[in-house]
Amino acid sequence: MLELIGVVLEGNGLGRLDRCSFEARAGEVLGLIGRTGAGKTAALAIAAGALTPGRGRIQLAGRDVSRRPAKLREACAWSRERLDGPFD
């Protein structure tokens, strides 16, 4: 399981997060929905270890890896794609 707990991020160009929390369990598909600049990409970048939060915790399989982005990168993969519709 991957958890973001009370994550705060400011001034990174990808959006601002203010006490962002969510969990993704093994095998679960998770989507983030929000307006432009809401911090969706920033939250995923933090979850993948590409960004380090200013405050808050990141837990992977119950272990705090908040300040160990290399461990997150080893376990996670992410892709930023734009999907254009229409979709059936």
Protein backbone atom coordinates (compact mmCIF):
# COMPACT_ATOMS: atom_id res chain seq x y z
CA MET A 1 0.00 0.00 0.00
CA LEU A 2 1.14 3.53 -0.79
CA GLU A 3 -0.07 6.36 1.45
CA LEU A 4 0.38 10.12 1.38
CA ILE A 5 -0.44 11.57 4.78
CA GLY A 6 -0.84 15.31 5.28
CA VAL A 7 1.55 16.16 2.46
CA VAL A 8 2.33 19.85 1.93
CA LEU A 9 4.10 21.22 -1.14
CA GLU A 10 4.44 24.82 -2.24
CA GLY A 11 6.04 26.71 -5.11
CA ASN A 12 7.15 23.87 -7.38
CA GLY A 13 5.47 24.83 -10.65
CA LEU A 14 3.33 21.68 -10.64
CA GLY A 15 0.67 22.84 -8.20
CA ARG A 16 0.27 23.35 -4.50
CA LEU A 17 -0.70 20.71 -1.97
CA ASP A 18 -2.09 21.55 1.45
CA ARG A 19 -2.40 18.50 3.72
CA CYS A 20 -3.02 16.04 0.85
CA SER A 21 -3.82 12.51 1.97
CA PHE A 22 -4.75 9.38 0.04
CA GLU A 23 -3.95 5.70 -0.12
CA ALA A 24 -3.57 3.28 -2.99
CA ARG A 25 -3.74 -0.42 -2.23
CA ALA A 26 -2.03 -3.15 -4.22
CA GLY A 27 -3.93 -3.87 -7.44
CA GLU A 28 -6.13 -0.79 -7.04
CA VAL A 29 -6.59 1.74 -9.83
CA LEU A 30 -6.64 5.28 -8.48
CA GLY A 31 -7.47 8.48 -10.34
CA LEU A 32 -7.15 12.08 -9.21
CA ILE A 33 -9.64 14.62 -10.50
CA GLY A 34 -9.37 18.37 -10.06
CA ARG A 35 -9.03 21.72 -11.74
CA THR A 36 -5.85 22.93 -13.40
CA GLY A 37 -3.25 23.78 -10.75
CA ALA A 38 -4.96 21.75 -8.02
CA GLY A 39 -1.84 19.64 -7.44
CA LYS A 40 -2.79 16.34 -9.11
CA THR A 41 0.51 16.01 -10.94
CA ALA A 42 2.45 17.17 -7.88
CA ALA A 43 0.75 14.52 -5.73
CA LEU A 44 1.64 11.80 -8.21
CA ALA A 45 5.20 13.10 -8.55
CA ILE A 46 5.56 12.90 -4.77
CA ALA A 47 4.03 9.41 -4.72
CA ALA A 48 6.57 8.31 -7.37
CA GLY A 49 9.53 9.88 -5.56
CA ALA A 50 10.17 12.57 -8.20
CA LEU A 51 9.42 15.37 -5.69
CA THR A 52 9.97 15.56 -1.93
CA PRO A 53 7.22 17.18 0.16
CA GLY A 54 7.88 20.07 2.50
CA ARG A 55 5.83 18.38 5.24
CA GLY A 56 3.82 15.22 5.67
CA ARG A 57 4.63 11.54 5.32
CA ILE A 58 4.80 9.00 2.53
CA GLN A 59 4.43 5.39 3.54
CA LEU A 60 5.14 2.41 1.31
CA ALA A 61 4.05 -0.97 2.65
CA GLY A 62 3.74 0.57 6.12
CA ARG A 63 7.26 2.04 6.17
CA ASP A 64 7.94 5.77 6.21
CA VAL A 65 9.91 6.64 3.06
CA SER A 66 9.23 10.40 3.14
CA ARG A 67 12.88 11.36 2.89
CA ARG A 68 13.98 8.38 0.80
CA PRO A 69 12.81 9.17 -2.76
CA ALA A 70 15.12 6.52 -4.27
CA LYS A 71 13.12 3.81 -2.45
CA LEU A 72 9.91 5.20 -3.95
CA ARG A 73 11.39 5.34 -7.44
CA GLU A 74 12.44 1.70 -7.11
CA ALA A 75 8.88 0.63 -6.30
CA CYS A 76 6.76 3.03 -8.40
CA ALA A 77 6.38 4.01 -12.01
CA TRP A 78 4.37 6.90 -13.40
CA SER A 79 3.58 8.31 -16.78
CA ARG A 80 2.21 11.72 -17.70
CA GLU A 81 0.02 11.40 -20.77
CA ARG A 82 -2.67 13.53 -22.26
CA LEU A 83 -5.59 11.50 -23.51
CA ASP A 84 -7.68 13.24 -26.11
CA GLY A 85 -11.30 12.15 -26.65
CA PRO A 86 -13.86 11.40 -27.65
CA PHE A 87 -13.96 8.05 -25.89
CA ASP A 88 -16.63 5.43 -26.40
